[in-house]
Amino acid sequence: DERAERRERGVLFGSGLVGGEGLFGVVIAAVAFFRTAAPAGVGYEWAGEAAPWLASAVFGVLAMYFWRLVVRDDTPKS
């Protein structure tokens, strides 16, 4: 029972990340289509040389949150 709950939390979180990324991509594509140019500030140029490190840090934080969400024990203690 607990294993199924954890799996469901993980699937919901992962689906939310994928869905949010898809919606964000559609918004960027719509803006680029109507402006005939890529939206300013979209991309990694603003981060300069720190872009790979920043991306790795964000990925690590998301992975830790995902892991904690899935292994979290929500059963009430008696």
Protein backbone atom coordinates (compact mmCIF):
# COMPACT_ATOMS: atom_id res chain seq x y z
CA ASP A 1 0.00 0.00 0.00
CA GLU A 2 2.76 2.41 1.01
CA ARG A 3 4.81 1.45 -2.04
CA ALA A 4 1.88 2.25 -4.34
CA GLU A 5 1.45 5.67 -2.68
CA ARG A 6 5.12 6.48 -3.15
CA ARG A 7 5.00 5.42 -6.78
CA GLU A 8 1.91 7.55 -7.36
CA ARG A 9 3.59 10.63 -5.84
CA GLY A 10 6.61 10.09 -8.06
CA VAL A 11 4.53 9.65 -11.19
CA LEU A 12 2.47 12.75 -10.43
CA PHE A 13 5.55 14.88 -9.81
CA GLY A 14 7.31 13.62 -12.93
CA SER A 15 4.19 14.15 -15.03
CA GLY A 16 3.91 17.69 -13.70
CA LEU A 17 7.50 18.43 -14.70
CA VAL A 18 6.96 17.07 -18.21
CA GLY A 19 3.64 18.87 -18.62
CA GLY A 20 5.06 22.17 -17.37
CA GLU A 21 8.01 21.91 -19.73
CA GLY A 22 5.65 21.22 -22.62
CA LEU A 23 3.47 24.23 -21.83
CA PHE A 24 6.52 26.47 -21.47
CA GLY A 25 7.79 25.28 -24.85
CA VAL A 26 4.45 26.09 -26.48
CA VAL A 27 4.50 29.60 -24.99
CA ILE A 28 8.06 30.21 -26.23
CA ALA A 29 7.13 28.92 -29.68
CA ALA A 30 4.04 31.15 -29.82
CA VAL A 31 6.02 34.24 -28.82
CA ALA A 32 8.74 33.41 -31.36
CA PHE A 33 6.13 32.89 -34.09
CA PHE A 34 4.38 36.19 -33.51
CA ARG A 35 7.58 38.20 -33.05
CA THR A 36 9.45 36.40 -35.88
CA ALA A 37 12.44 36.16 -33.56
CA ALA A 38 13.39 34.20 -30.48
CA PRO A 39 12.19 35.83 -27.26
CA ALA A 40 14.92 37.85 -25.55
CA GLY A 41 16.30 36.27 -22.42
CA VAL A 42 15.33 32.72 -23.33
CA GLY A 43 18.32 30.45 -23.38
CA TYR A 44 21.45 30.16 -21.32
CA GLU A 45 23.50 33.10 -22.61
CA TRP A 46 22.50 35.19 -19.60
CA ALA A 47 24.32 32.76 -17.28
CA GLY A 48 27.58 32.96 -19.20
CA GLU A 49 30.30 30.56 -18.12
CA ALA A 50 28.27 29.43 -15.10
CA ALA A 51 25.47 27.93 -17.25
CA PRO A 52 26.58 24.26 -16.99
CA TRP A 53 27.12 24.55 -13.24
CA LEU A 54 23.82 26.32 -12.70
CA ALA A 55 21.97 23.73 -14.78
CA SER A 56 23.65 20.92 -12.82
CA ALA A 57 22.70 22.55 -9.52
CA VAL A 58 19.05 22.96 -10.56
CA PHE A 59 18.96 19.37 -11.80
CA GLY A 60 20.46 18.18 -8.51
CA VAL A 61 17.90 20.10 -6.45
CA LEU A 62 15.04 18.69 -8.53
CA ALA A 63 16.45 15.17 -8.22
CA MET A 64 16.80 15.51 -4.42
CA TYR A 65 13.25 16.87 -4.13
CA PHE A 66 11.94 14.03 -6.30
CA TRP A 67 13.77 11.45 -4.20
CA ARG A 68 12.54 12.93 -0.92
CA LEU A 69 8.99 13.10 -2.27
CA VAL A 70 9.04 9.43 -3.19
CA VAL A 71 10.72 8.05 -0.04
CA ARG A 72 8.88 10.32 2.40
CA ASP A 73 6.89 8.43 5.03
CA ASP A 74 3.50 10.07 5.58
CA THR A 75 2.12 7.48 7.95
CA PRO A 76 1.04 9.00 11.28
CA LYS A 77 3.20 8.02 14.24
CA SER A 78 1.34 6.61 17.24
